[in-house]
């Protein structure tokens, strides 16, 4: 996929796939999925755009527990060895 414009094409294809997934539609797709307990862990400090995306997720999954964390976009896990 190297070459002029290829990276952009791959990114645009990924965006199209990522944005085509409807959380609310998936949540209501079957009784089994509806019965699953759901919690969304979201960064509340990354950026205004990221926080707005979190609000969209919360609106699509009204029965989910929505929790903000104060870390970055991806919460880190520490392992002690």
C-alpha atoms as a PDB file:
ATOM      1  CA  UNK A   1       0.000   0.000   0.000  1.00  0.00           C
ATOM      2  CA  UNK A   2       2.964   2.295  -0.358  1.00  0.00           C
ATOM      3  CA  UNK A   3       2.835   4.986  -2.925  1.00  0.00           C
ATOM      4  CA  UNK A   4       1.368   8.343  -3.540  1.00  0.00           C
ATOM      5  CA  UNK A   5      -2.134   8.632  -2.116  1.00  0.00           C
ATOM      6  CA  UNK A   6      -2.301   5.034  -0.887  1.00  0.00           C
ATOM      7  CA  UNK A   7      -2.029   5.899   2.797  1.00  0.00           C
ATOM      8  CA  UNK A   8      -4.840   8.406   2.435  1.00  0.00           C
ATOM      9  CA  UNK A   9      -7.006   5.794   0.682  1.00  0.00           C
ATOM     10  CA  UNK A  10      -6.436   3.266   3.467  1.00  0.00           C
ATOM     11  CA  UNK A  11      -7.302   5.828   6.137  1.00  0.00           C
ATOM     12  CA  UNK A  12     -10.473   6.864   4.310  1.00  0.00           C
ATOM     13  CA  UNK A  13     -11.534   3.209   3.927  1.00  0.00           C
ATOM     14  CA  UNK A  14     -10.953   2.640   7.652  1.00  0.00           C
ATOM     15  CA  UNK A  15     -12.996   5.734   8.526  1.00  0.00           C
ATOM     16  CA  UNK A  16     -15.867   4.523   6.342  1.00  0.00           C
ATOM     17  CA  UNK A  17     -15.894   1.111   8.032  1.00  0.00           C
ATOM     18  CA  UNK A  18     -15.538   2.579  11.506  1.00  0.00           C
ATOM     19  CA  UNK A  19     -18.342   5.103  11.049  1.00  0.00           C
ATOM     20  CA  UNK A  20     -20.710   2.563   9.498  1.00  0.00           C
ATOM     21  CA  UNK A  21     -21.044   0.589  12.744  1.00  0.00           C
ATOM     22  CA  UNK A  22     -24.254   1.614  14.537  1.00  0.00           C
ATOM     23  CA  UNK A  23     -24.011   0.884  18.269  1.00  0.00           C
ATOM     24  CA  UNK A  24     -27.721   1.301  18.948  1.00  0.00           C
ATOM     25  CA  UNK A  25     -28.594  -1.029  16.091  1.00  0.00           C
ATOM     26  CA  UNK A  26     -26.104  -3.637  17.356  1.00  0.00           C
ATOM     27  CA  UNK A  27     -27.386  -3.350  20.938  1.00  0.00           C
ATOM     28  CA  UNK A  28     -30.940  -4.064  19.806  1.00  0.00           C
ATOM     29  CA  UNK A  29     -29.991  -6.817  17.359  1.00  0.00           C
ATOM     30  CA  UNK A  30     -30.969  -9.736  19.613  1.00  0.00           C
ATOM     31  CA  UNK A  31     -32.290 -10.570  23.070  1.00  0.00           C
ATOM     32  CA  UNK A  32     -28.909 -12.032  24.010  1.00  0.00           C
ATOM     33  CA  UNK A  33     -27.077  -8.823  23.169  1.00  0.00           C
ATOM     34  CA  UNK A  34     -29.705  -6.682  24.938  1.00  0.00           C
ATOM     35  CA  UNK A  35     -29.265  -8.732  28.124  1.00  0.00           C
ATOM     36  CA  UNK A  36     -25.504  -8.173  28.242  1.00  0.00           C
ATOM     37  CA  UNK A  37     -24.502  -5.725  30.971  1.00  0.00           C
ATOM     38  CA  UNK A  38     -22.589  -2.895  29.381  1.00  0.00           C
ATOM     39  CA  UNK A  39     -20.178  -0.298  30.688  1.00  0.00           C
ATOM     40  CA  UNK A  40     -18.363   2.235  28.543  1.00  0.00           C
ATOM     41  CA  UNK A  41     -15.047   3.569  29.882  1.00  0.00           C
ATOM     42  CA  UNK A  42     -14.173   6.836  28.155  1.00  0.00           C
ATOM     43  CA  UNK A  43     -11.447   9.454  28.527  1.00  0.00           C
ATOM     44  CA  UNK A  44     -12.946  12.757  29.618  1.00  0.00           C
ATOM     45  CA  UNK A  45      -9.773  14.786  29.157  1.00  0.00           C
ATOM     46  CA  UNK A  46      -8.443  13.968  25.680  1.00  0.00           C
ATOM     47  CA  UNK A  47     -10.055  16.700  23.571  1.00  0.00           C
ATOM     48  CA  UNK A  48     -13.424  18.363  23.059  1.00  0.00           C
ATOM     49  CA  UNK A  49     -13.931  16.330  19.881  1.00  0.00           C
ATOM     50  CA  UNK A  50     -13.178  13.086  21.755  1.00  0.00           C
ATOM     51  CA  UNK A  51     -15.582  14.048  24.568  1.00  0.00           C
ATOM     52  CA  UNK A  52     -18.280  14.748  21.952  1.00  0.00           C
ATOM     53  CA  UNK A  53     -17.706  11.265  20.497  1.00  0.00           C
ATOM     54  CA  UNK A  54     -18.211   9.856  23.995  1.00  0.00           C
ATOM     55  CA  UNK A  55     -21.532  11.671  24.264  1.00  0.00           C
ATOM     56  CA  UNK A  56     -22.615  10.061  20.970  1.00  0.00           C
ATOM     57  CA  UNK A  57     -21.721   6.619  22.336  1.00  0.00           C
ATOM     58  CA  UNK A  58     -23.674   7.321  25.533  1.00  0.00           C
ATOM     59  CA  UNK A  59     -26.709   8.420  23.502  1.00  0.00           C
ATOM     60  CA  UNK A  60     -26.547   5.262  21.357  1.00  0.00           C
ATOM     61  CA  UNK A  61     -26.359   3.020  24.451  1.00  0.00           C
ATOM     62  CA  UNK A  62     -28.775   4.589  26.965  1.00  0.00           C
ATOM     63  CA  UNK A  63     -28.853   1.485  29.193  1.00  0.00           C
ATOM     64  CA  UNK A  64     -25.055   1.279  29.478  1.00  0.00           C
ATOM     65  CA  UNK A  65     -23.169   2.567  32.481  1.00  0.00           C
ATOM     66  CA  UNK A  66     -20.969   5.376  31.194  1.00  0.00           C
ATOM     67  CA  UNK A  67     -17.793   6.180  33.156  1.00  0.00           C
ATOM     68  CA  UNK A  68     -15.233   8.866  32.378  1.00  0.00           C
ATOM     69  CA  UNK A  69     -11.612   8.372  33.395  1.00  0.00           C
ATOM     70  CA  UNK A  70      -9.068  11.151  33.703  1.00  0.00           C
ATOM     71  CA  UNK A  71      -6.232   9.458  31.838  1.00  0.00           C
ATOM     72  CA  UNK A  72      -5.440   9.595  28.148  1.00  0.00           C
ATOM     73  CA  UNK A  73      -7.465   8.100  25.362  1.00  0.00           C
ATOM     74  CA  UNK A  74      -6.380   4.562  26.251  1.00  0.00           C
ATOM     75  CA  UNK A  75      -6.330   3.672  29.965  1.00  0.00           C
ATOM     76  CA  UNK A  76      -3.083   2.002  30.943  1.00  0.00           C
ATOM     77  CA  UNK A  77      -2.762  -1.184  32.944  1.00  0.00           C
ATOM     78  CA  UNK A  78       0.251  -1.702  35.183  1.00  0.00           C
ATOM     79  CA  UNK A  79       1.555  -5.205  35.721  1.00  0.00           C
ATOM     80  CA  UNK A  80       3.786  -5.971  38.657  1.00  0.00           C
ATOM     81  CA  UNK A  81       6.420  -8.627  38.026  1.00  0.00           C
END
